[in-house]
Amino acid sequence: MQKIFKNIHENLIVWVIFTSIISYLFPSIFTSYRDYIGYLFGITMLCIGMLLNQEHVALLWKKPHRIFAGTLMQYTIMPLSAFLVSYFLKDKNLKIGIILTGCVPGAMASNLMSALANADVALSVSVTTLSTLISPIVTPSLLYILAGSYVKIKFFNMFFNLAFMVILPVCIGYLIRLKTKEKVERKKDYLSGIAGLAIILIVALVIGENRNNFGSAHLILLLKLLLINIMGYLGGYIFPGLLKWPAEQKKTLSLEVGMQNAGLGTVLALKYFGTDSAIPPAIYTILCLITASFLVKLWRSIEK
């Protein structure tokens, strides 16, 4: 069983693509649990809280300047890129979905990619943690600013929902880790696999819900999301370079900024804006995993 969960974690992109194909062919397998999607994401955050390393959390207080700078890049480069790319899009639902994709915090998968790229994993985990913890305030605020003219943003409802789905389970998970550190360490593969499995099921649900909506129009959507993704990678690499950061930290911020927690975006879209708005973050979940894998391989080939 441990090998299965470890395989899910290490081959997340393969499982996401595989289950997305199954969901497209047999949507009823996954659409039946639509009402439980918030709980699925809460389970993901609980596992992530249990996997947080005390040393990484301590960096939030010991060396905050680069962590704050990275988080600022996360919440400026991606929202602005998403807003600009979606500006001339006529479909309001897709436009909101794209903007939402840019306004969520960084993806936990960026931590794994940073490790594979020989980047600064401690910085990656710290930036992801901080951007996630402040997301209940920042994400609704950015949505209100960038998409408030297109759709009504239920700010306080979204704030409390994010706090319940993100902050509460992460904090509970971290407290469990502090109390049972050795047991948690032995179960790391299980926890990583469960978190990955929840994300896989969320993406599969969205694919199943929208199987009849995928068509040629979504090629343009895919290109727009790819452009946002590339802008995130470039911005996350160039700005630390201007600040004279080491190469390892430039790679870290490139991955951190370009990879979004689109699973969270998918959950929020389904809850507040409808299934059409959930298409962009669901696609981005798959897209950023693929592009990050290629980026890591590129860096590693250059370093040889």
C-alpha atoms as a PDB file:
ATOM      1  CA  MET A   1       0.000   0.000   0.000  1.00  0.00           C
ATOM      2  CA  GLN A   2       2.843   2.389   0.847  1.00  0.00           C
ATOM      3  CA  LYS A   3       4.348   1.805  -2.602  1.00  0.00           C
ATOM      4  CA  ILE A   4       1.043   2.749  -4.226  1.00  0.00           C
ATOM      5  CA  PHE A   5       0.782   6.071  -2.388  1.00  0.00           C
ATOM      6  CA  LYS A   6       4.463   6.813  -3.035  1.00  0.00           C
ATOM      7  CA  ASN A   7       3.876   6.142  -6.733  1.00  0.00           C
ATOM      8  CA  ILE A   8       0.921   8.548  -6.772  1.00  0.00           C
ATOM      9  CA  HIS A   9       3.068  11.291  -5.244  1.00  0.00           C
ATOM     10  CA  GLU A  10       6.101  10.747  -7.450  1.00  0.00           C
ATOM     11  CA  ASN A  11       4.105  10.310 -10.679  1.00  0.00           C
ATOM     12  CA  LEU A  12       1.351  12.829 -10.019  1.00  0.00           C
ATOM     13  CA  ILE A  13       1.241  14.162 -13.583  1.00  0.00           C
ATOM     14  CA  VAL A  14       0.829  10.638 -15.019  1.00  0.00           C
ATOM     15  CA  TRP A  15      -2.068   9.890 -12.668  1.00  0.00           C
ATOM     16  CA  VAL A  16      -3.728  13.257 -13.349  1.00  0.00           C
ATOM     17  CA  ILE A  17      -3.648  12.662 -17.110  1.00  0.00           C
ATOM     18  CA  PHE A  18      -4.769   9.025 -16.772  1.00  0.00           C
ATOM     19  CA  THR A  19      -7.770   9.790 -14.541  1.00  0.00           C
ATOM     20  CA  SER A  20      -8.680  12.815 -16.696  1.00  0.00           C
ATOM     21  CA  ILE A  21      -8.961  10.497 -19.721  1.00  0.00           C
ATOM     22  CA  ILE A  22     -11.051   8.006 -17.719  1.00  0.00           C
ATOM     23  CA  SER A  23     -13.281  10.835 -16.486  1.00  0.00           C
ATOM     24  CA  TYR A  24     -13.774  12.131 -20.018  1.00  0.00           C
ATOM     25  CA  LEU A  25     -14.842   8.673 -21.206  1.00  0.00           C
ATOM     26  CA  PHE A  26     -16.850   7.693 -18.107  1.00  0.00           C
ATOM     27  CA  PRO A  27     -17.784  10.946 -16.295  1.00  0.00           C
ATOM     28  CA  SER A  28     -20.315   9.436 -13.889  1.00  0.00           C
ATOM     29  CA  ILE A  29     -17.489   7.686 -12.019  1.00  0.00           C
ATOM     30  CA  PHE A  30     -16.236  11.042 -10.716  1.00  0.00           C
ATOM     31  CA  THR A  31     -19.159  13.493 -10.915  1.00  0.00           C
ATOM     32  CA  SER A  32     -21.056  11.644  -8.193  1.00  0.00           C
ATOM     33  CA  TYR A  33     -18.900  13.174  -5.427  1.00  0.00           C
ATOM     34  CA  ARG A  34     -19.303  16.816  -6.534  1.00  0.00           C
ATOM     35  CA  ASP A  35     -20.761  17.879  -3.158  1.00  0.00           C
ATOM     36  CA  TYR A  36     -17.688  16.592  -1.315  1.00  0.00           C
ATOM     37  CA  ILE A  37     -15.038  18.484  -3.267  1.00  0.00           C
ATOM     38  CA  GLY A  38     -14.426  20.994  -0.454  1.00  0.00           C
ATOM     39  CA  TYR A  39     -13.738  18.161   1.968  1.00  0.00           C
ATOM     40  CA  LEU A  40     -11.333  16.596  -0.524  1.00  0.00           C
ATOM     41  CA  PHE A  41      -9.329  19.779  -0.630  1.00  0.00           C
ATOM     42  CA  GLY A  42      -9.455  20.040   3.170  1.00  0.00           C
ATOM     43  CA  ILE A  43      -7.903  16.557   3.357  1.00  0.00           C
ATOM     44  CA  THR A  44      -5.141  17.749   1.033  1.00  0.00           C
ATOM     45  CA  MET A  45      -4.384  20.716   3.304  1.00  0.00           C
ATOM     46  CA  LEU A  46      -4.453  18.509   6.422  1.00  0.00           C
ATOM     47  CA  CYS A  47      -1.838  16.203   4.885  1.00  0.00           C
ATOM     48  CA  ILE A  48       0.271  19.176   3.824  1.00  0.00           C
ATOM     49  CA  GLY A  49       0.136  20.586   7.359  1.00  0.00           C
ATOM     50  CA  MET A  50       1.377  17.258   8.699  1.00  0.00           C
ATOM     51  CA  LEU A  51       4.216  17.277   6.163  1.00  0.00           C
ATOM     52  CA  LEU A  52       5.442  20.792   7.041  1.00  0.00           C
ATOM     53  CA  ASN A  53       8.990  20.757   8.352  1.00  0.00           C
ATOM     54  CA  GLN A  54       9.616  22.775  11.540  1.00  0.00           C
ATOM     55  CA  GLU A  55      12.824  24.181  10.083  1.00  0.00           C
ATOM     56  CA  HIS A  56      10.954  25.508   7.048  1.00  0.00           C
ATOM     57  CA  VAL A  57       8.287  27.108   9.217  1.00  0.00           C
ATOM     58  CA  ALA A  58      11.009  28.688  11.366  1.00  0.00           C
ATOM     59  CA  LEU A  59      12.431  30.392   8.264  1.00  0.00           C
ATOM     60  CA  LEU A  60       9.278  32.539   8.125  1.00  0.00           C
ATOM     61  CA  TRP A  61      10.601  34.331  11.205  1.00  0.00           C
ATOM     62  CA  LYS A  62      14.373  33.936  10.852  1.00  0.00           C
ATOM     63  CA  LYS A  63      14.858  35.048   7.211  1.00  0.00           C
ATOM     64  CA  PRO A  64      11.611  36.733   6.215  1.00  0.00           C
ATOM     65  CA  HIS A  65      12.783  39.213   3.549  1.00  0.00           C
ATOM     66  CA  ARG A  66      13.236  36.760   0.665  1.00  0.00           C
ATOM     67  CA  ILE A  67      10.140  34.817   1.651  1.00  0.00           C
ATOM     68  CA  PHE A  68       8.064  38.024   1.687  1.00  0.00           C
ATOM     69  CA  ALA A  69       9.623  39.094  -1.620  1.00  0.00           C
ATOM     70  CA  GLY A  70       8.795  35.724  -3.182  1.00  0.00           C
ATOM     71  CA  THR A  71       5.226  35.870  -1.917  1.00  0.00           C
ATOM     72  CA  LEU A  72       4.860  39.406  -3.271  1.00  0.00           C
ATOM     73  CA  MET A  73       6.035  38.185  -6.697  1.00  0.00           C
ATOM     74  CA  GLN A  74       3.517  35.334  -6.469  1.00  0.00           C
ATOM     75  CA  TYR A  75       0.605  37.674  -5.817  1.00  0.00           C
ATOM     76  CA  THR A  76       1.543  40.346  -8.362  1.00  0.00           C
ATOM     77  CA  ILE A  77       3.046  38.609 -11.415  1.00  0.00           C
ATOM     78  CA  MET A  78       0.412  35.879 -11.724  1.00  0.00           C
ATOM     79  CA  PRO A  79      -2.760  37.934 -11.057  1.00  0.00           C
ATOM     80  CA  LEU A  80      -1.639  40.698 -13.429  1.00  0.00           C
ATOM     81  CA  SER A  81      -0.594  38.190 -16.100  1.00  0.00           C
ATOM     82  CA  ALA A  82      -3.961  36.426 -15.831  1.00  0.00           C
ATOM     83  CA  PHE A  83      -5.865  39.713 -15.993  1.00  0.00           C
ATOM     84  CA  LEU A  84      -3.971  40.934 -19.059  1.00  0.00           C
ATOM     85  CA  VAL A  85      -4.218  37.635 -20.940  1.00  0.00           C
ATOM     86  CA  SER A  86      -7.957  37.310 -20.250  1.00  0.00           C
ATOM     87  CA  TYR A  87      -8.812  40.967 -20.955  1.00  0.00           C
ATOM     88  CA  PHE A  88     -10.166  40.508 -24.500  1.00  0.00           C
ATOM     89  CA  LEU A  89     -11.810  37.137 -23.844  1.00  0.00           C
ATOM     90  CA  LYS A  90     -15.561  37.363 -24.509  1.00  0.00           C
ATOM     91  CA  ASP A  91     -16.663  34.380 -22.417  1.00  0.00           C
ATOM     92  CA  LYS A  92     -17.193  35.847 -18.940  1.00  0.00           C
ATOM     93  CA  ASN A  93     -17.069  32.476 -17.162  1.00  0.00           C
ATOM     94  CA  LEU A  94     -13.739  31.512 -18.701  1.00  0.00           C
ATOM     95  CA  LYS A  95     -12.385  35.011 -18.025  1.00  0.00           C
ATOM     96  CA  ILE A  96     -13.238  34.679 -14.325  1.00  0.00           C
ATOM     97  CA  GLY A  97     -11.695  31.201 -14.264  1.00  0.00           C
ATOM     98  CA  ILE A  98      -8.445  32.504 -15.751  1.00  0.00           C
ATOM     99  CA  ILE A  99      -8.244  35.420 -13.306  1.00  0.00           C
ATOM    100  CA  LEU A 100      -9.013  33.069 -10.414  1.00  0.00           C
ATOM    101  CA  THR A 101      -6.168  30.800 -11.560  1.00  0.00           C
ATOM    102  CA  GLY A 102      -3.800  33.748 -11.248  1.00  0.00           C
ATOM    103  CA  CYS A 103      -5.053  34.791  -7.808  1.00  0.00           C
ATOM    104  CA  VAL A 104      -4.600  31.552  -5.858  1.00  0.00           C
ATOM    105  CA  PRO A 105      -1.422  30.750  -3.883  1.00  0.00           C
ATOM    106  CA  GLY A 106       1.524  28.696  -5.143  1.00  0.00           C
ATOM    107  CA  ALA A 107       1.218  24.958  -5.687  1.00  0.00           C
ATOM    108  CA  MET A 108       2.670  22.489  -3.204  1.00  0.00           C
ATOM    109  CA  ALA A 109       3.995  20.565  -6.214  1.00  0.00           C
ATOM    110  CA  SER A 110       6.496  23.403  -6.697  1.00  0.00           C
ATOM    111  CA  ASN A 111       8.339  22.123  -3.620  1.00  0.00           C
ATOM    112  CA  LEU A 112       8.911  18.757  -5.287  1.00  0.00           C
ATOM    113  CA  MET A 113       9.961  20.425  -8.546  1.00  0.00           C
ATOM    114  CA  SER A 114      12.414  22.649  -6.639  1.00  0.00           C
ATOM    115  CA  ALA A 115      14.012  19.555  -5.138  1.00  0.00           C
ATOM    116  CA  LEU A 116      14.301  17.933  -8.570  1.00  0.00           C
ATOM    117  CA  ALA A 117      15.831  21.151  -9.988  1.00  0.00           C
ATOM    118  CA  ASN A 118      18.469  21.351  -7.223  1.00  0.00           C
ATOM    119  CA  ALA A 119      16.935  24.659  -6.144  1.00  0.00           C
ATOM    120  CA  ASP A 120      16.336  26.125  -2.672  1.00  0.00           C
ATOM    121  CA  VAL A 121      13.691  23.769  -1.271  1.00  0.00           C
ATOM    122  CA  ALA A 122      13.518  25.559   2.097  1.00  0.00           C
ATOM    123  CA  LEU A 123      12.680  28.843   0.352  1.00  0.00           C
ATOM    124  CA  SER A 124      10.129  27.082  -1.857  1.00  0.00           C
ATOM    125  CA  VAL A 125       8.304  25.501   1.083  1.00  0.00           C
ATOM    126  CA  SER A 126       8.388  28.775   3.043  1.00  0.00           C
ATOM    127  CA  VAL A 127       6.961  30.863   0.185  1.00  0.00           C
ATOM    128  CA  THR A 128       4.278  28.261  -0.513  1.00  0.00           C
ATOM    129  CA  THR A 129       3.383  28.162   3.181  1.00  0.00           C
ATOM    130  CA  LEU A 130       3.143  31.932   3.540  1.00  0.00           C
ATOM    131  CA  SER A 131       1.178  32.449   0.310  1.00  0.00           C
ATOM    132  CA  THR A 132      -1.220  29.685   1.388  1.00  0.00           C
ATOM    133  CA  LEU A 133      -1.698  31.079   4.901  1.00  0.00           C
ATOM    134  CA  ILE A 134      -2.562  34.581   3.675  1.00  0.00           C
ATOM    135  CA  SER A 135      -4.738  33.354   0.776  1.00  0.00           C
ATOM    136  CA  PRO A 136      -8.070  33.775   2.636  1.00  0.00           C
ATOM    137  CA  ILE A 137      -7.455  37.539   2.604  1.00  0.00           C
ATOM    138  CA  VAL A 138      -5.382  38.032  -0.553  1.00  0.00           C
ATOM    139  CA  THR A 139      -7.261  35.803  -3.021  1.00  0.00           C
ATOM    140  CA  PRO A 140     -10.738  37.343  -2.470  1.00  0.00           C
ATOM    141  CA  SER A 141      -9.176  40.838  -2.447  1.00  0.00           C
ATOM    142  CA  LEU A 142      -7.433  40.288  -5.793  1.00  0.00           C
ATOM    143  CA  LEU A 143     -10.600  38.792  -7.279  1.00  0.00           C
ATOM    144  CA  TYR A 144     -12.595  41.813  -6.117  1.00  0.00           C
ATOM    145  CA  ILE A 145     -10.084  44.190  -7.713  1.00  0.00           C
ATOM    146  CA  LEU A 146      -9.537  42.309 -10.986  1.00  0.00           C
ATOM    147  CA  ALA A 147     -12.900  40.597 -11.573  1.00  0.00           C
ATOM    148  CA  GLY A 148     -15.337  42.613  -9.474  1.00  0.00           C
ATOM    149  CA  SER A 149     -16.666  44.390 -12.554  1.00  0.00           C
ATOM    150  CA  TYR A 150     -17.558  41.045 -14.208  1.00  0.00           C
ATOM    151  CA  VAL A 151     -19.119  39.171 -11.324  1.00  0.00           C
ATOM    152  CA  LYS A 152     -20.175  39.730  -7.721  1.00  0.00           C
ATOM    153  CA  ILE A 153     -17.422  38.609  -5.356  1.00  0.00           C
ATOM    154  CA  LYS A 154     -18.712  37.279  -2.037  1.00  0.00           C
ATOM    155  CA  PHE A 155     -15.659  38.482  -0.160  1.00  0.00           C
ATOM    156  CA  PHE A 156     -16.460  37.467   3.414  1.00  0.00           C
ATOM    157  CA  ASN A 157     -18.098  34.210   2.370  1.00  0.00           C
ATOM    158  CA  MET A 158     -14.993  33.319   0.370  1.00  0.00           C
ATOM    159  CA  PHE A 159     -12.723  34.445   3.212  1.00  0.00           C
ATOM    160  CA  PHE A 160     -14.369  32.141   5.758  1.00  0.00           C
ATOM    161  CA  ASN A 161     -14.580  29.295   3.239  1.00  0.00           C
ATOM    162  CA  LEU A 162     -10.863  29.571   2.468  1.00  0.00           C
ATOM    163  CA  ALA A 163     -10.036  29.764   6.160  1.00  0.00           C
ATOM    164  CA  PHE A 164     -12.064  26.596   6.746  1.00  0.00           C
ATOM    165  CA  MET A 165     -10.611  24.729   3.749  1.00  0.00           C
ATOM    166  CA  VAL A 166      -7.016  25.951   3.981  1.00  0.00           C
ATOM    167  CA  ILE A 167      -5.921  27.534   7.267  1.00  0.00           C
ATOM    168  CA  LEU A 168      -7.776  25.282   9.726  1.00  0.00           C
ATOM    169  CA  PRO A 169      -6.656  21.908   8.275  1.00  0.00           C
ATOM    170  CA  VAL A 170      -3.064  23.111   7.734  1.00  0.00           C
ATOM    171  CA  CYS A 171      -2.828  24.293  11.344  1.00  0.00           C
ATOM    172  CA  ILE A 172      -4.426  21.102  12.672  1.00  0.00           C
ATOM    173  CA  GLY A 173      -2.077  19.011  10.532  1.00  0.00           C
ATOM    174  CA  TYR A 174       0.958  20.922  11.752  1.00  0.00           C
ATOM    175  CA  LEU A 175      -0.108  20.536  15.400  1.00  0.00           C
ATOM    176  CA  ILE A 176      -0.503  16.792  14.837  1.00  0.00           C
ATOM    177  CA  ARG A 177       3.021  16.735  13.410  1.00  0.00           C
ATOM    178  CA  LEU A 178       4.419  18.537  16.457  1.00  0.00           C
ATOM    179  CA  LYS A 179       2.770  16.012  18.772  1.00  0.00           C
ATOM    180  CA  THR A 180       3.582  12.859  16.784  1.00  0.00           C
ATOM    181  CA  LYS A 181       6.654  13.769  14.745  1.00  0.00           C
ATOM    182  CA  GLU A 182       8.199  10.282  14.501  1.00  0.00           C
ATOM    183  CA  LYS A 183       4.920   8.613  13.516  1.00  0.00           C
ATOM    184  CA  VAL A 184       4.274  11.278  10.849  1.00  0.00           C
ATOM    185  CA  GLU A 185       7.777  10.823   9.416  1.00  0.00           C
ATOM    186  CA  ARG A 186       7.095   7.106   8.975  1.00  0.00           C
ATOM    187  CA  LYS A 187       3.848   7.895   7.147  1.00  0.00           C
ATOM    188  CA  LYS A 188       5.207  10.591   4.777  1.00  0.00           C
ATOM    189  CA  ASP A 189       4.605   8.511   1.654  1.00  0.00           C
ATOM    190  CA  TYR A 190       1.007   7.874   2.681  1.00  0.00           C
ATOM    191  CA  LEU A 191       0.341  11.551   3.413  1.00  0.00           C
ATOM    192  CA  SER A 192       1.921  12.750   0.164  1.00  0.00           C
ATOM    193  CA  GLY A 193      -0.024  10.138  -1.771  1.00  0.00           C
ATOM    194  CA  ILE A 194      -3.347  11.029  -0.140  1.00  0.00           C
ATOM    195  CA  ALA A 195      -2.803  14.738  -0.869  1.00  0.00           C
ATOM    196  CA  GLY A 196      -1.976  13.907  -4.479  1.00  0.00           C
ATOM    197  CA  LEU A 197      -4.976  11.563  -4.774  1.00  0.00           C
ATOM    198  CA  ALA A 198      -7.341  14.313  -3.625  1.00  0.00           C
ATOM    199  CA  ILE A 199      -5.997  16.699  -6.290  1.00  0.00           C
ATOM    200  CA  ILE A 200      -6.326  13.945  -8.924  1.00  0.00           C
ATOM    201  CA  LEU A 201      -9.987  13.413  -7.980  1.00  0.00           C
ATOM    202  CA  ILE A 202     -10.720  17.167  -8.064  1.00  0.00           C
ATOM    203  CA  VAL A 203      -9.311  17.536 -11.577  1.00  0.00           C
ATOM    204  CA  ALA A 204     -11.118  14.394 -12.751  1.00  0.00           C
ATOM    205  CA  LEU A 205     -14.398  15.777 -11.398  1.00  0.00           C
ATOM    206  CA  VAL A 206     -14.048  18.990 -13.407  1.00  0.00           C
ATOM    207  CA  ILE A 207     -13.160  17.060 -16.576  1.00  0.00           C
ATOM    208  CA  GLY A 208     -16.223  14.869 -16.085  1.00  0.00           C
ATOM    209  CA  GLU A 209     -18.509  17.836 -15.411  1.00  0.00           C
ATOM    210  CA  ASN A 210     -17.318  19.633 -18.564  1.00  0.00           C
ATOM    211  CA  ARG A 211     -16.730  16.783 -21.025  1.00  0.00           C
ATOM    212  CA  ASN A 212     -19.331  18.238 -23.440  1.00  0.00           C
ATOM    213  CA  ASN A 213     -17.787  21.715 -23.263  1.00  0.00           C
ATOM    214  CA  PHE A 214     -14.310  20.791 -24.442  1.00  0.00           C
ATOM    215  CA  GLY A 215     -13.820  21.735 -28.070  1.00  0.00           C
ATOM    216  CA  SER A 216     -11.746  23.740 -30.489  1.00  0.00           C
ATOM    217  CA  ALA A 217     -12.403  26.936 -28.500  1.00  0.00           C
ATOM    218  CA  HIS A 218     -10.374  25.504 -25.655  1.00  0.00           C
ATOM    219  CA  LEU A 219      -7.242  25.401 -27.785  1.00  0.00           C
ATOM    220  CA  ILE A 220      -7.205  29.197 -27.456  1.00  0.00           C
ATOM    221  CA  LEU A 221      -7.823  28.819 -23.719  1.00  0.00           C
ATOM    222  CA  LEU A 222      -4.918  26.386 -23.466  1.00  0.00           C
ATOM    223  CA  LEU A 223      -2.614  28.837 -25.275  1.00  0.00           C
ATOM    224  CA  LYS A 224      -3.709  31.658 -22.968  1.00  0.00           C
ATOM    225  CA  LEU A 225      -3.001  29.552 -19.881  1.00  0.00           C
ATOM    226  CA  LEU A 226       0.360  28.512 -21.322  1.00  0.00           C
ATOM    227  CA  LEU A 227       1.218  32.176 -21.844  1.00  0.00           C
ATOM    228  CA  ILE A 228       0.348  32.961 -18.207  1.00  0.00           C
ATOM    229  CA  ASN A 229       2.436  29.990 -17.097  1.00  0.00           C
ATOM    230  CA  ILE A 230       5.456  31.153 -19.112  1.00  0.00           C
ATOM    231  CA  MET A 231       5.069  34.730 -17.845  1.00  0.00           C
ATOM    232  CA  GLY A 232       5.094  33.355 -14.305  1.00  0.00           C
ATOM    233  CA  TYR A 233       8.257  31.336 -14.890  1.00  0.00           C
ATOM    234  CA  LEU A 234      10.031  34.266 -16.548  1.00  0.00           C
ATOM    235  CA  GLY A 235       8.925  36.835 -13.964  1.00  0.00           C
ATOM    236  CA  GLY A 236       9.864  34.520 -11.100  1.00  0.00           C
ATOM    237  CA  TYR A 237      13.336  34.086 -12.607  1.00  0.00           C
ATOM    238  CA  ILE A 238      14.072  37.614 -13.851  1.00  0.00           C
ATOM    239  CA  PHE A 239      13.100  39.660 -10.785  1.00  0.00           C
ATOM    240  CA  PRO A 240      15.270  37.676  -8.322  1.00  0.00           C
ATOM    241  CA  GLY A 241      18.069  38.055 -10.888  1.00  0.00           C
ATOM    242  CA  LEU A 242      17.680  41.830 -10.742  1.00  0.00           C
ATOM    243  CA  LEU A 243      17.998  41.538  -6.962  1.00  0.00           C
ATOM    244  CA  LYS A 244      21.242  39.519  -7.398  1.00  0.00           C
ATOM    245  CA  TRP A 245      19.820  36.350  -5.841  1.00  0.00           C
ATOM    246  CA  PRO A 246      21.787  33.082  -6.323  1.00  0.00           C
ATOM    247  CA  ALA A 247      20.871  30.776  -9.222  1.00  0.00           C
ATOM    248  CA  GLU A 248      19.241  28.238  -6.888  1.00  0.00           C
ATOM    249  CA  GLN A 249      16.835  30.839  -5.575  1.00  0.00           C
ATOM    250  CA  LYS A 250      16.061  32.183  -9.047  1.00  0.00           C
ATOM    251  CA  LYS A 251      15.019  28.676 -10.080  1.00  0.00           C
ATOM    252  CA  THR A 252      12.982  28.345  -6.892  1.00  0.00           C
ATOM    253  CA  LEU A 253      10.998  31.537  -7.470  1.00  0.00           C
ATOM    254  CA  SER A 254      10.524  30.722 -11.138  1.00  0.00           C
ATOM    255  CA  LEU A 255       8.788  27.459 -10.216  1.00  0.00           C
ATOM    256  CA  GLU A 256       7.036  28.975  -7.221  1.00  0.00           C
ATOM    257  CA  VAL A 257       5.475  31.819  -9.195  1.00  0.00           C
ATOM    258  CA  GLY A 258       4.645  29.844 -12.343  1.00  0.00           C
ATOM    259  CA  MET A 259       3.012  26.905 -10.562  1.00  0.00           C
ATOM    260  CA  GLN A 260      -0.371  27.787  -9.049  1.00  0.00           C
ATOM    261  CA  ASN A 261      -2.530  25.884  -6.577  1.00  0.00           C
ATOM    262  CA  ALA A 262      -5.097  25.478  -9.344  1.00  0.00           C
ATOM    263  CA  GLY A 263      -6.749  22.678  -7.356  1.00  0.00           C
ATOM    264  CA  LEU A 264      -7.874  25.350  -4.898  1.00  0.00           C
ATOM    265  CA  GLY A 265      -8.926  27.542  -7.832  1.00  0.00           C
ATOM    266  CA  THR A 266     -11.020  24.671  -9.165  1.00  0.00           C
ATOM    267  CA  VAL A 267     -12.796  24.210  -5.832  1.00  0.00           C
ATOM    268  CA  LEU A 268     -13.518  27.946  -5.531  1.00  0.00           C
ATOM    269  CA  ALA A 269     -14.754  28.155  -9.124  1.00  0.00           C
ATOM    270  CA  LEU A 270     -17.192  25.271  -8.625  1.00  0.00           C
ATOM    271  CA  LYS A 271     -18.502  26.780  -5.405  1.00  0.00           C
ATOM    272  CA  TYR A 272     -18.871  30.425  -6.469  1.00  0.00           C
ATOM    273  CA  PHE A 273     -18.820  30.752 -10.268  1.00  0.00           C
ATOM    274  CA  GLY A 274     -19.980  27.476 -11.888  1.00  0.00           C
ATOM    275  CA  THR A 275     -18.472  24.573 -13.810  1.00  0.00           C
ATOM    276  CA  ASP A 276     -17.400  26.628 -16.847  1.00  0.00           C
ATOM    277  CA  SER A 277     -15.243  28.840 -14.629  1.00  0.00           C
ATOM    278  CA  ALA A 278     -13.607  25.715 -13.194  1.00  0.00           C
ATOM    279  CA  ILE A 279     -12.224  24.700 -16.605  1.00  0.00           C
ATOM    280  CA  PRO A 280      -9.182  27.088 -16.642  1.00  0.00           C
ATOM    281  CA  PRO A 281      -7.823  26.127 -13.190  1.00  0.00           C
ATOM    282  CA  ALA A 282      -8.423  22.427 -13.901  1.00  0.00           C
ATOM    283  CA  ILE A 283      -6.466  22.660 -17.159  1.00  0.00           C
ATOM    284  CA  TYR A 284      -3.771  24.719 -15.448  1.00  0.00           C
ATOM    285  CA  THR A 285      -3.279  21.996 -12.837  1.00  0.00           C
ATOM    286  CA  ILE A 286      -2.223  19.589 -15.577  1.00  0.00           C
ATOM    287  CA  LEU A 287      -0.432  22.215 -17.666  1.00  0.00           C
ATOM    288  CA  CYS A 288       1.893  23.575 -14.979  1.00  0.00           C
ATOM    289  CA  LEU A 289       2.922  20.073 -13.914  1.00  0.00           C
ATOM    290  CA  ILE A 290       3.908  19.253 -17.497  1.00  0.00           C
ATOM    291  CA  THR A 291       5.755  22.528 -18.174  1.00  0.00           C
ATOM    292  CA  ALA A 292       7.533  22.436 -14.797  1.00  0.00           C
ATOM    293  CA  SER A 293       8.766  18.921 -15.560  1.00  0.00           C
ATOM    294  CA  PHE A 294      10.229  20.135 -18.865  1.00  0.00           C
ATOM    295  CA  LEU A 295      11.743  23.197 -17.174  1.00  0.00           C
ATOM    296  CA  VAL A 296      13.434  21.047 -14.532  1.00  0.00           C
ATOM    297  CA  LYS A 297      14.841  18.754 -17.231  1.00  0.00           C
ATOM    298  CA  LEU A 298      16.132  21.791 -19.134  1.00  0.00           C
ATOM    299  CA  TRP A 299      17.938  23.170 -16.086  1.00  0.00           C
ATOM    300  CA  ARG A 300      19.423  19.795 -15.221  1.00  0.00           C
ATOM    301  CA  SER A 301      20.691  19.302 -18.789  1.00  0.00           C
ATOM    302  CA  ILE A 302      22.308  22.755 -18.751  1.00  0.00           C
ATOM    303  CA  GLU A 303      24.040  21.992 -15.440  1.00  0.00           C
ATOM    304  CA  LYS A 304      25.588  18.739 -16.734  1.00  0.00           C
END
